[in-house]
């Protein structure tokens, strides 16, 4: 997979998970999670759009955001459980992390 294809894939996944986060926040997440989910949704969506034309700083920012999302969301999920969509969000975060690592290794930037 080329570096350009990896960036497009990560971009699409980030926008998709951003939308998913916002939908879950609006459609019935527990009250305490609505704002954090919406904030992460906006962050992921913004990073996804910026990634289309961005370089290493945006790829690294996306990887950091996904790492934080997995850590915070995972801790909350282990303590409180949650809807199955959370597992999809974790999977997307993992794919973005792997994609970012591959992109960095391919571009050498």
N, C-alpha and C. Protein backbone atom coordinates (compact mmCIF):
# COMPACT_ATOMS: atom_id res chain seq x y z
N UNK A 1 0.86 -1.17 0.00
CA UNK A 1 0.00 0.00 0.00
C UNK A 1 0.90 1.23 0.00
N UNK A 2 0.61 2.16 -0.87
CA UNK A 2 1.44 3.37 -0.98
C UNK A 2 1.18 4.31 0.20
N UNK A 3 2.13 5.22 0.40
CA UNK A 3 1.99 6.21 1.47
C UNK A 3 0.75 7.07 1.26
N UNK A 4 0.45 7.43 0.02
CA UNK A 4 -0.74 8.25 -0.27
C UNK A 4 -2.01 7.48 0.06
N UNK A 5 -2.04 6.21 -0.26
CA UNK A 5 -3.21 5.38 0.05
C UNK A 5 -3.39 5.23 1.55
N UNK A 6 -2.29 5.06 2.27
CA UNK A 6 -2.36 4.97 3.74
C UNK A 6 -2.95 6.25 4.33
N UNK A 7 -2.50 7.40 3.83
CA UNK A 7 -3.04 8.66 4.35
C UNK A 7 -4.52 8.81 4.05
N UNK A 8 -4.94 8.43 2.86
CA UNK A 8 -6.37 8.50 2.52
C UNK A 8 -7.18 7.57 3.41
N UNK A 9 -6.68 6.37 3.63
CA UNK A 9 -7.37 5.41 4.49
C UNK A 9 -7.50 5.96 5.90
N UNK A 10 -6.40 6.48 6.43
CA UNK A 10 -6.45 7.05 7.78
C UNK A 10 -7.42 8.22 7.84
N UNK A 11 -7.42 9.05 6.81
CA UNK A 11 -8.31 10.19 6.77
C UNK A 11 -9.78 9.75 6.82
N UNK A 12 -10.12 8.79 5.97
CA UNK A 12 -11.50 8.29 5.93
C UNK A 12 -11.88 7.68 7.27
N UNK A 13 -10.99 6.89 7.85
CA UNK A 13 -11.29 6.26 9.14
C UNK A 13 -11.45 7.29 10.26
N UNK A 14 -10.62 8.32 10.25
CA UNK A 14 -10.74 9.35 11.28
C UNK A 14 -12.05 10.12 11.15
N UNK A 15 -12.43 10.46 9.94
CA UNK A 15 -13.71 11.15 9.75
C UNK A 15 -14.86 10.23 10.16
N UNK A 16 -14.77 8.96 9.79
CA UNK A 16 -15.83 8.00 10.15
C UNK A 16 -15.95 7.84 11.65
N UNK A 17 -14.83 7.70 12.34
CA UNK A 17 -14.91 7.54 13.79
C UNK A 17 -15.34 8.85 14.45
N UNK A 18 -14.99 9.98 13.85
CA UNK A 18 -15.47 11.26 14.37
C UNK A 18 -16.98 11.34 14.33
N UNK A 19 -17.54 10.96 13.19
CA UNK A 19 -19.01 10.95 13.05
C UNK A 19 -19.61 9.95 14.03
N UNK A 20 -19.01 8.77 14.13
CA UNK A 20 -19.53 7.75 15.03
C UNK A 20 -19.51 8.23 16.48
N UNK A 21 -18.44 8.88 16.89
CA UNK A 21 -18.36 9.42 18.25
C UNK A 21 -19.50 10.41 18.51
N UNK A 22 -19.73 11.30 17.55
CA UNK A 22 -20.78 12.31 17.73
C UNK A 22 -22.16 11.67 17.75
N UNK A 23 -22.39 10.70 16.88
CA UNK A 23 -23.68 10.00 16.86
C UNK A 23 -23.92 9.30 18.19
N UNK A 24 -22.92 8.62 18.71
CA UNK A 24 -23.08 7.93 20.00
C UNK A 24 -23.31 8.95 21.11
N UNK A 25 -22.61 10.08 21.07
CA UNK A 25 -22.78 11.11 22.10
C UNK A 25 -24.21 11.65 22.09
N UNK A 26 -24.76 11.84 20.91
CA UNK A 26 -26.10 12.42 20.78
C UNK A 26 -27.19 11.37 21.00
N UNK A 27 -26.93 10.14 20.59
CA UNK A 27 -27.98 9.13 20.54
C UNK A 27 -28.13 8.30 21.81
N UNK A 28 -27.50 8.67 22.88
CA UNK A 28 -27.81 7.94 24.09
C UNK A 28 -26.63 7.49 24.92
N UNK A 29 -25.51 8.13 24.79
CA UNK A 29 -24.40 7.82 25.69
C UNK A 29 -24.78 8.30 27.09
N UNK A 30 -24.20 7.69 28.11
CA UNK A 30 -24.44 8.19 29.46
C UNK A 30 -24.06 9.68 29.54
N UNK A 31 -24.76 10.38 30.37
CA UNK A 31 -24.59 11.83 30.50
C UNK A 31 -23.13 12.24 30.68
N UNK A 32 -22.39 11.51 31.50
CA UNK A 32 -21.00 11.86 31.79
C UNK A 32 -20.09 11.69 30.57
N UNK A 33 -20.51 10.91 29.59
CA UNK A 33 -19.66 10.64 28.43
C UNK A 33 -20.03 11.47 27.20
N UNK A 34 -21.14 12.17 27.24
CA UNK A 34 -21.59 12.88 26.04
C UNK A 34 -20.59 13.93 25.57
N UNK A 35 -20.15 14.77 26.46
CA UNK A 35 -19.23 15.84 26.06
C UNK A 35 -17.87 15.26 25.64
N UNK A 36 -17.27 14.35 26.43
CA UNK A 36 -15.99 13.79 25.96
C UNK A 36 -16.11 13.09 24.60
N UNK A 37 -17.18 12.36 24.37
CA UNK A 37 -17.37 11.70 23.08
C UNK A 37 -17.50 12.73 21.95
N UNK A 38 -18.25 13.78 22.19
CA UNK A 38 -18.43 14.82 21.17
C UNK A 38 -17.11 15.54 20.89
N UNK A 39 -16.33 15.81 21.92
CA UNK A 39 -15.04 16.48 21.75
C UNK A 39 -14.09 15.60 20.93
N UNK A 40 -14.02 14.32 21.30
CA UNK A 40 -13.16 13.42 20.53
C UNK A 40 -13.68 13.25 19.11
N UNK A 41 -14.98 13.25 18.94
CA UNK A 41 -15.54 13.17 17.59
C UNK A 41 -15.11 14.35 16.74
N UNK A 42 -15.20 15.54 17.31
CA UNK A 42 -14.78 16.74 16.58
C UNK A 42 -13.28 16.71 16.30
N UNK A 43 -12.50 16.26 17.27
CA UNK A 43 -11.05 16.17 17.09
C UNK A 43 -10.69 15.19 15.98
N UNK A 44 -11.28 13.99 16.03
CA UNK A 44 -11.00 12.99 15.00
C UNK A 44 -11.43 13.47 13.61
N UNK A 45 -12.60 14.06 13.53
CA UNK A 45 -13.07 14.56 12.24
C UNK A 45 -12.15 15.63 11.67
N UNK A 46 -11.74 16.55 12.53
CA UNK A 46 -10.83 17.61 12.10
C UNK A 46 -9.50 17.04 11.65
N UNK A 47 -8.95 16.11 12.43
CA UNK A 47 -7.68 15.49 12.04
C UNK A 47 -7.82 14.74 10.71
N UNK A 48 -8.95 14.08 10.52
CA UNK A 48 -9.18 13.36 9.27
C UNK A 48 -9.16 14.27 8.07
N UNK A 49 -9.79 15.44 8.20
CA UNK A 49 -9.81 16.40 7.09
C UNK A 49 -8.41 16.99 6.88
N UNK A 50 -7.75 17.36 7.96
CA UNK A 50 -6.41 17.95 7.86
C UNK A 50 -5.40 16.96 7.29
N UNK A 51 -5.62 15.69 7.53
CA UNK A 51 -4.68 14.67 7.08
C UNK A 51 -4.61 14.57 5.56
N UNK A 52 -5.67 14.96 4.89
CA UNK A 52 -5.67 14.87 3.42
C UNK A 52 -4.49 15.64 2.81
N UNK A 53 -4.18 16.80 3.37
CA UNK A 53 -3.10 17.62 2.83
C UNK A 53 -1.94 17.76 3.80
N UNK A 54 -2.06 17.18 4.99
CA UNK A 54 -1.04 17.34 6.01
C UNK A 54 0.08 16.34 5.86
N UNK A 55 1.13 16.59 6.62
CA UNK A 55 2.28 15.72 6.61
C UNK A 55 2.51 15.09 7.97
N UNK A 56 3.76 14.94 8.31
CA UNK A 56 4.15 14.24 9.52
C UNK A 56 3.49 14.80 10.80
N UNK A 57 3.42 16.12 10.99
CA UNK A 57 2.80 16.61 12.23
C UNK A 57 1.35 16.15 12.40
N UNK A 58 0.59 16.13 11.31
CA UNK A 58 -0.82 15.72 11.41
C UNK A 58 -0.91 14.21 11.62
N UNK A 59 -0.05 13.44 10.97
CA UNK A 59 -0.03 11.99 11.18
C UNK A 59 0.29 11.69 12.64
N UNK A 60 1.31 12.37 13.17
CA UNK A 60 1.66 12.16 14.58
C UNK A 60 0.53 12.61 15.51
N UNK A 61 -0.11 13.72 15.20
CA UNK A 61 -1.23 14.18 16.03
C UNK A 61 -2.37 13.17 16.01
N UNK A 62 -2.64 12.60 14.85
CA UNK A 62 -3.68 11.58 14.75
C UNK A 62 -3.32 10.35 15.56
N UNK A 63 -2.06 9.96 15.51
CA UNK A 63 -1.61 8.80 16.28
C UNK A 63 -1.71 9.06 17.78
N UNK A 64 -1.34 10.27 18.20
CA UNK A 64 -1.45 10.63 19.62
C UNK A 64 -2.92 10.64 20.06
N UNK A 65 -3.78 11.23 19.24
CA UNK A 65 -5.21 11.28 19.57
C UNK A 65 -5.78 9.87 19.69
N UNK A 66 -5.40 8.99 18.79
CA UNK A 66 -5.90 7.61 18.84
C UNK A 66 -5.37 6.87 20.07
N UNK A 67 -4.13 7.12 20.43
CA UNK A 67 -3.56 6.50 21.63
C UNK A 67 -4.30 6.97 22.88
N UNK A 68 -4.55 8.27 22.95
CA UNK A 68 -5.30 8.81 24.09
C UNK A 68 -6.72 8.26 24.10
N UNK A 69 -7.33 8.18 22.91
CA UNK A 69 -8.68 7.64 22.82
C UNK A 69 -8.76 6.21 23.30
N UNK A 70 -7.79 5.40 22.90
CA UNK A 70 -7.76 4.00 23.35
C UNK A 70 -7.56 3.93 24.86
N UNK A 71 -6.63 4.74 25.37
CA UNK A 71 -6.33 4.70 26.81
C UNK A 71 -7.52 5.16 27.65
N UNK A 72 -8.07 6.34 27.34
CA UNK A 72 -9.18 6.87 28.13
C UNK A 72 -10.46 6.08 27.90
N UNK A 73 -10.77 5.83 26.63
CA UNK A 73 -11.98 5.08 26.32
C UNK A 73 -11.90 3.65 26.81
N UNK A 74 -10.72 3.06 26.69
CA UNK A 74 -10.54 1.69 27.16
C UNK A 74 -10.69 1.57 28.65
N UNK A 75 -10.13 2.52 29.38
CA UNK A 75 -10.26 2.51 30.84
C UNK A 75 -11.73 2.64 31.24
N UNK A 76 -12.43 3.55 30.60
CA UNK A 76 -13.85 3.73 30.90
C UNK A 76 -14.65 2.49 30.52
N UNK A 77 -14.34 1.91 29.37
CA UNK A 77 -15.06 0.72 28.90
C UNK A 77 -14.84 -0.45 29.86
N UNK A 78 -13.62 -0.63 30.34
CA UNK A 78 -13.34 -1.72 31.27
C UNK A 78 -14.07 -1.53 32.60
N UNK A 79 -14.22 -0.28 33.02
CA UNK A 79 -14.90 0.01 34.29
C UNK A 79 -16.41 -0.04 34.17
N UNK A 80 -16.95 0.50 33.07
CA UNK A 80 -18.39 0.71 32.99
C UNK A 80 -19.07 -0.04 31.86
N UNK A 81 -18.31 -0.68 30.99
CA UNK A 81 -18.93 -1.30 29.82
C UNK A 81 -19.36 -0.22 28.84
N UNK A 82 -20.15 -0.61 27.89
CA UNK A 82 -20.61 0.36 26.92
C UNK A 82 -21.20 -0.31 25.71
N UNK A 83 -21.65 0.49 24.77
CA UNK A 83 -22.27 -0.07 23.56
C UNK A 83 -21.22 -0.74 22.66
N UNK A 84 -21.66 -1.63 21.78
CA UNK A 84 -20.73 -2.31 20.87
C UNK A 84 -20.00 -1.34 19.93
N UNK A 85 -20.56 -0.17 19.72
CA UNK A 85 -19.90 0.79 18.84
C UNK A 85 -18.55 1.23 19.40
N UNK A 86 -18.39 1.15 20.71
CA UNK A 86 -17.11 1.50 21.32
C UNK A 86 -16.01 0.58 20.80
N UNK A 87 -16.32 -0.69 20.64
CA UNK A 87 -15.33 -1.65 20.13
C UNK A 87 -14.94 -1.30 18.70
N UNK A 88 -15.89 -0.83 17.91
CA UNK A 88 -15.59 -0.39 16.54
C UNK A 88 -14.65 0.81 16.59
N UNK A 89 -14.90 1.73 17.50
CA UNK A 89 -14.05 2.91 17.64
C UNK A 89 -12.63 2.51 18.01
N UNK A 90 -12.49 1.53 18.92
CA UNK A 90 -11.16 1.05 19.30
C UNK A 90 -10.45 0.42 18.10
N UNK A 91 -11.17 -0.33 17.33
CA UNK A 91 -10.59 -0.97 16.15
C UNK A 91 -10.09 0.09 15.16
N UNK A 92 -10.90 1.11 14.94
CA UNK A 92 -10.49 2.19 14.03
C UNK A 92 -9.23 2.87 14.57
N UNK A 93 -9.21 3.15 15.88
CA UNK A 93 -8.02 3.77 16.48
C UNK A 93 -6.78 2.90 16.22
N UNK A 94 -6.91 1.60 16.41
CA UNK A 94 -5.78 0.69 16.21
C UNK A 94 -5.32 0.70 14.75
N UNK A 95 -6.27 0.70 13.82
CA UNK A 95 -5.91 0.71 12.40
C UNK A 95 -5.20 2.03 12.04
N UNK A 96 -5.67 3.13 12.60
CA UNK A 96 -5.02 4.42 12.34
C UNK A 96 -3.59 4.42 12.91
N UNK A 97 -3.41 3.84 14.09
CA UNK A 97 -2.06 3.77 14.66
C UNK A 97 -1.12 2.95 13.77
N UNK A 98 -1.59 1.81 13.33
CA UNK A 98 -0.77 0.96 12.45
C UNK A 98 -0.52 1.68 11.12
N UNK A 99 -1.57 2.28 10.56
CA UNK A 99 -1.41 3.02 9.31
C UNK A 99 -0.43 4.17 9.44
N UNK A 100 -0.49 4.88 10.55
CA UNK A 100 0.45 5.97 10.78
C UNK A 100 1.88 5.47 10.87
N UNK A 101 2.07 4.36 11.58
CA UNK A 101 3.40 3.78 11.67
C UNK A 101 3.93 3.35 10.31
N UNK A 102 3.07 2.73 9.52
CA UNK A 102 3.47 2.32 8.17
C UNK A 102 3.78 3.54 7.30
N UNK A 103 2.95 4.57 7.40
CA UNK A 103 3.17 5.79 6.62
C UNK A 103 4.54 6.40 6.98
N UNK A 104 4.81 6.48 8.28
CA UNK A 104 6.09 7.03 8.73
C UNK A 104 7.26 6.20 8.22
N UNK A 105 7.11 4.88 8.23
CA UNK A 105 8.20 4.03 7.76
C UNK A 105 8.40 4.13 6.24
N UNK A 106 7.31 4.34 5.52
CA UNK A 106 7.41 4.44 4.05
C UNK A 106 7.95 5.79 3.59
N UNK A 107 7.60 6.84 4.31
CA UNK A 107 8.00 8.17 3.86
C UNK A 107 9.35 8.59 4.43
N UNK A 108 9.73 8.01 5.56
CA UNK A 108 11.00 8.40 6.18
C UNK A 108 11.00 9.83 6.69
N UNK A 109 9.82 10.42 6.80
CA UNK A 109 9.73 11.83 7.22
C UNK A 109 9.68 11.93 8.71
